[in-house]
Amino acid sequence: MTTSSSRTLGEWFEAFDREAFRLETLDDYSQSGGVDAYQAFLAGEPQPESYKSADWVDTVRNITRAGKRIYRVHVLSRPLTPYLRFELGWGYHRNAAAGEEFFILDTTDRENPIPDAPDFWLFDGQTAGAMNYDGQGKYLGAEFPGPDRLSEFLAYRDTALAHAEPFAEWWAKHGE
């Protein structure tokens, strides 16, 4: 894969001008951060303070206070995995309070319109960072495809958004 960015994924969160879009396609990211919070969730314990005040919450808050948009679509089907119950029930609510927007593309009763889409971030509609994970949901890093593949990521984003619904509406109907 051709690298089209001299920045790391983390640096893009400080460098983008207007919007950062994320497509999530996995049912389990449990090895990629918030592991202690996930274990607390599974044990029925309250959210740890360290989870409530994680660095990501500050990142989201700083982005939205600067007038920039950060939003994502998660492709999923029901019943939710334990990890998705955690991510949506704790993580999405926490991040939404900081200004991040969430949408759900629920494929429970329909075909996935983007079955081969990878997880990725898209910054200002111009730079895609494809996310790599192992089979247990552990983040392995990001690659930046060349500009010749940008239209592919734009199409994934546009299709996902066209078939998704706002998280709050989806959660009101299907939240567990």
Protein backbone atom coordinates (compact mmCIF):
# COMPACT_ATOMS: atom_id res chain seq x y z
CA MET A 1 0.00 0.00 0.00
CA THR A 2 1.34 3.41 -0.92
CA THR A 3 1.77 5.87 1.90
CA SER A 4 0.44 9.30 1.03
CA SER A 5 1.00 11.03 4.36
CA SER A 6 4.07 12.09 6.24
CA ARG A 7 1.89 12.43 9.36
CA THR A 8 0.87 9.69 11.74
CA LEU A 9 -2.77 8.99 12.44
CA GLY A 10 -2.47 10.75 15.78
CA GLU A 11 -0.96 13.84 14.17
CA TRP A 12 -3.91 14.08 11.78
CA PHE A 13 -6.24 14.81 14.71
CA GLU A 14 -4.35 18.06 15.25
CA ALA A 15 -3.82 18.83 11.55
CA PHE A 16 -7.22 18.49 9.89
CA ASP A 17 -9.20 21.63 9.12
CA ARG A 18 -12.89 20.73 8.91
CA GLU A 19 -13.91 17.16 9.62
CA ALA A 20 -12.72 13.72 10.63
CA PHE A 21 -14.87 10.74 9.71
CA ARG A 22 -14.43 7.19 11.05
CA LEU A 23 -15.90 3.96 9.70
CA GLU A 24 -16.01 1.08 12.19
CA THR A 25 -16.74 -2.41 10.91
CA LEU A 26 -15.65 -4.76 13.69
CA ASP A 27 -17.69 -6.29 16.51
CA ASP A 28 -14.74 -6.32 18.92
CA TYR A 29 -12.00 -3.77 19.58
CA SER A 30 -11.44 -5.01 23.12
CA GLN A 31 -7.66 -5.24 22.84
CA SER A 32 -7.23 -1.70 21.50
CA GLY A 33 -7.69 0.47 24.56
CA GLY A 34 -10.02 0.84 27.49
CA VAL A 35 -9.35 -2.78 28.46
CA ASP A 36 -9.81 -2.07 32.18
CA ALA A 37 -13.07 -0.22 31.53
CA TYR A 38 -14.30 -3.10 29.39
CA GLN A 39 -13.56 -5.54 32.21
CA ALA A 40 -15.42 -3.26 34.65
CA PHE A 41 -18.38 -3.17 32.25
CA LEU A 42 -18.44 -6.97 32.00
CA ALA A 43 -18.29 -7.24 35.80
CA GLY A 44 -21.23 -4.83 36.21
CA GLU A 45 -19.07 -2.23 37.92
CA PRO A 46 -19.37 1.54 37.44
CA GLN A 47 -17.31 3.36 34.82
CA PRO A 48 -13.78 3.98 36.08
CA GLU A 49 -12.90 7.66 36.46
CA SER A 50 -9.89 7.11 34.20
CA TYR A 51 -12.27 6.00 31.44
CA LYS A 52 -14.59 8.96 31.90
CA SER A 53 -11.67 11.38 31.62
CA ALA A 54 -9.58 9.56 29.00
CA ASP A 55 -7.33 11.56 26.68
CA TRP A 56 -9.63 10.79 23.75
CA VAL A 57 -12.47 12.70 25.43
CA ASP A 58 -10.21 15.76 25.64
CA THR A 59 -9.20 15.31 22.00
CA VAL A 60 -12.85 15.20 20.90
CA ARG A 61 -13.78 18.17 23.07
CA ASN A 62 -10.88 20.24 21.69
CA ILE A 63 -11.80 19.35 18.11
CA THR A 64 -15.44 20.31 18.49
CA ARG A 65 -14.70 23.47 20.47
CA ALA A 66 -12.51 24.54 17.54
CA GLY A 67 -15.61 24.28 15.32
CA LYS A 68 -14.53 21.08 13.59
CA ARG A 69 -16.70 18.03 13.08
CA ILE A 70 -15.80 14.52 14.24
CA TYR A 71 -18.24 11.74 13.40
CA ARG A 72 -18.44 8.05 12.70
CA VAL A 73 -20.59 5.23 11.38
CA HIS A 74 -20.47 1.78 12.93
CA VAL A 75 -21.62 -1.11 10.75
CA LEU A 76 -23.13 -3.77 13.00
CA SER A 77 -25.85 -6.34 13.41
CA ARG A 78 -27.88 -7.46 16.38
CA PRO A 79 -27.69 -9.06 18.83
CA LEU A 80 -24.80 -6.92 19.96
CA THR A 81 -21.61 -8.56 21.11
CA PRO A 82 -20.57 -7.84 24.70
CA TYR A 83 -17.94 -5.47 23.36
CA LEU A 84 -20.45 -3.53 21.26
CA ARG A 85 -22.78 -3.22 24.27
CA PHE A 86 -19.80 -1.66 26.09
CA GLU A 87 -18.67 0.57 23.22
CA LEU A 88 -22.13 1.91 22.43
CA GLY A 89 -23.45 2.00 25.99
CA TRP A 90 -20.42 3.59 27.62
CA GLY A 91 -18.08 4.89 24.92
CA TYR A 92 -20.51 6.48 22.49
CA HIS A 93 -22.46 8.21 25.24
CA ARG A 94 -19.23 9.49 26.81
CA ASN A 95 -17.82 10.75 23.50
CA ALA A 96 -21.15 12.25 22.37
CA ALA A 97 -21.15 14.40 25.50
CA ALA A 98 -17.80 15.78 24.27
CA GLY A 99 -19.25 16.54 20.82
CA GLU A 100 -18.58 13.49 18.65
CA GLU A 101 -21.45 12.41 16.37
CA PHE A 102 -22.40 8.75 15.88
CA PHE A 103 -24.44 6.87 13.31
CA ILE A 104 -25.36 3.20 13.09
CA LEU A 105 -25.61 1.16 9.90
CA ASP A 106 -27.58 -1.82 11.21
CA THR A 107 -27.36 -4.82 8.88
CA THR A 108 -29.53 -7.13 11.00
CA ASP A 109 -32.38 -7.24 8.49
CA ARG A 110 -30.59 -6.19 5.31
CA GLU A 111 -27.43 -6.74 3.34
CA ASN A 112 -24.38 -4.70 4.16
CA PRO A 113 -24.04 -2.12 1.37
CA ILE A 114 -20.26 -1.91 1.95
CA PRO A 115 -19.25 -5.50 2.85
CA ASP A 116 -15.58 -5.09 1.94
CA ALA A 117 -14.99 -1.70 3.54
CA PRO A 118 -12.04 -1.50 5.92
CA ASP A 119 -11.99 0.45 9.16
CA PHE A 120 -10.61 3.90 8.45
CA TRP A 121 -10.40 7.57 9.34
CA LEU A 122 -10.94 10.15 6.62
CA PHE A 123 -9.66 13.68 7.22
CA ASP A 124 -11.22 16.61 5.34
CA GLY A 125 -12.29 14.19 2.62
CA GLN A 126 -8.70 14.19 1.37
CA THR A 127 -6.60 11.79 3.45
CA ALA A 128 -7.60 8.27 4.44
CA GLY A 129 -5.93 6.29 7.19
CA ALA A 130 -6.84 2.59 6.87
CA MET A 131 -6.87 0.90 10.26
CA ASN A 132 -5.39 -2.57 10.74
CA TYR A 133 -6.50 -4.98 13.50
CA ASP A 134 -5.73 -8.57 14.37
CA GLY A 135 -8.47 -11.17 14.86
CA GLN A 136 -8.86 -10.30 18.56
CA GLY A 137 -9.54 -6.59 18.02
CA LYS A 138 -6.00 -5.37 18.72
CA TYR A 139 -5.02 -2.27 16.79
CA LEU A 140 -1.90 -2.89 14.69
CA GLY A 141 -1.48 0.52 13.07
CA ALA A 142 -2.68 2.60 10.15
CA GLU A 143 -1.64 2.83 6.55
CA PHE A 144 -2.29 5.78 4.26
CA PRO A 145 -3.37 4.68 0.79
CA GLY A 146 -2.28 6.83 -2.11
CA PRO A 147 -4.52 9.46 -3.68
CA ASP A 148 -5.53 7.00 -6.39
CA ARG A 149 -7.68 5.20 -3.78
CA LEU A 150 -9.27 8.28 -2.21
CA SER A 151 -12.49 7.92 -4.23
CA GLU A 152 -12.92 4.42 -2.75
CA PHE A 153 -12.88 5.78 0.81
CA LEU A 154 -15.17 8.68 -0.10
CA ALA A 155 -17.65 6.18 -1.58
CA TYR A 156 -17.49 4.04 1.58
CA ARG A 157 -18.22 7.11 3.71
CA ASP A 158 -21.05 8.35 1.53
CA THR A 159 -22.69 4.92 1.28
CA ALA A 160 -22.37 4.31 5.01
CA LEU A 161 -23.96 7.66 5.84
CA ALA A 162 -26.76 7.15 3.30
CA HIS A 163 -27.74 3.87 5.00
CA ALA A 164 -27.12 4.81 8.63
CA GLU A 165 -29.31 6.43 11.23
CA PRO A 166 -28.33 8.73 14.09
CA PHE A 167 -27.12 6.77 17.09
CA ALA A 168 -29.60 8.31 19.54
CA GLU A 169 -32.54 7.19 17.38
CA TRP A 170 -31.09 3.72 16.87
CA TRP A 171 -30.24 3.35 20.59
CA ALA A 172 -33.78 4.36 21.60
CA LYS A 173 -35.09 1.42 19.54
CA HIS A 174 -32.36 -1.18 20.08
CA GLY A 175 -30.15 -0.19 23.02
CA GLU A 176 -29.40 -3.00 25.38
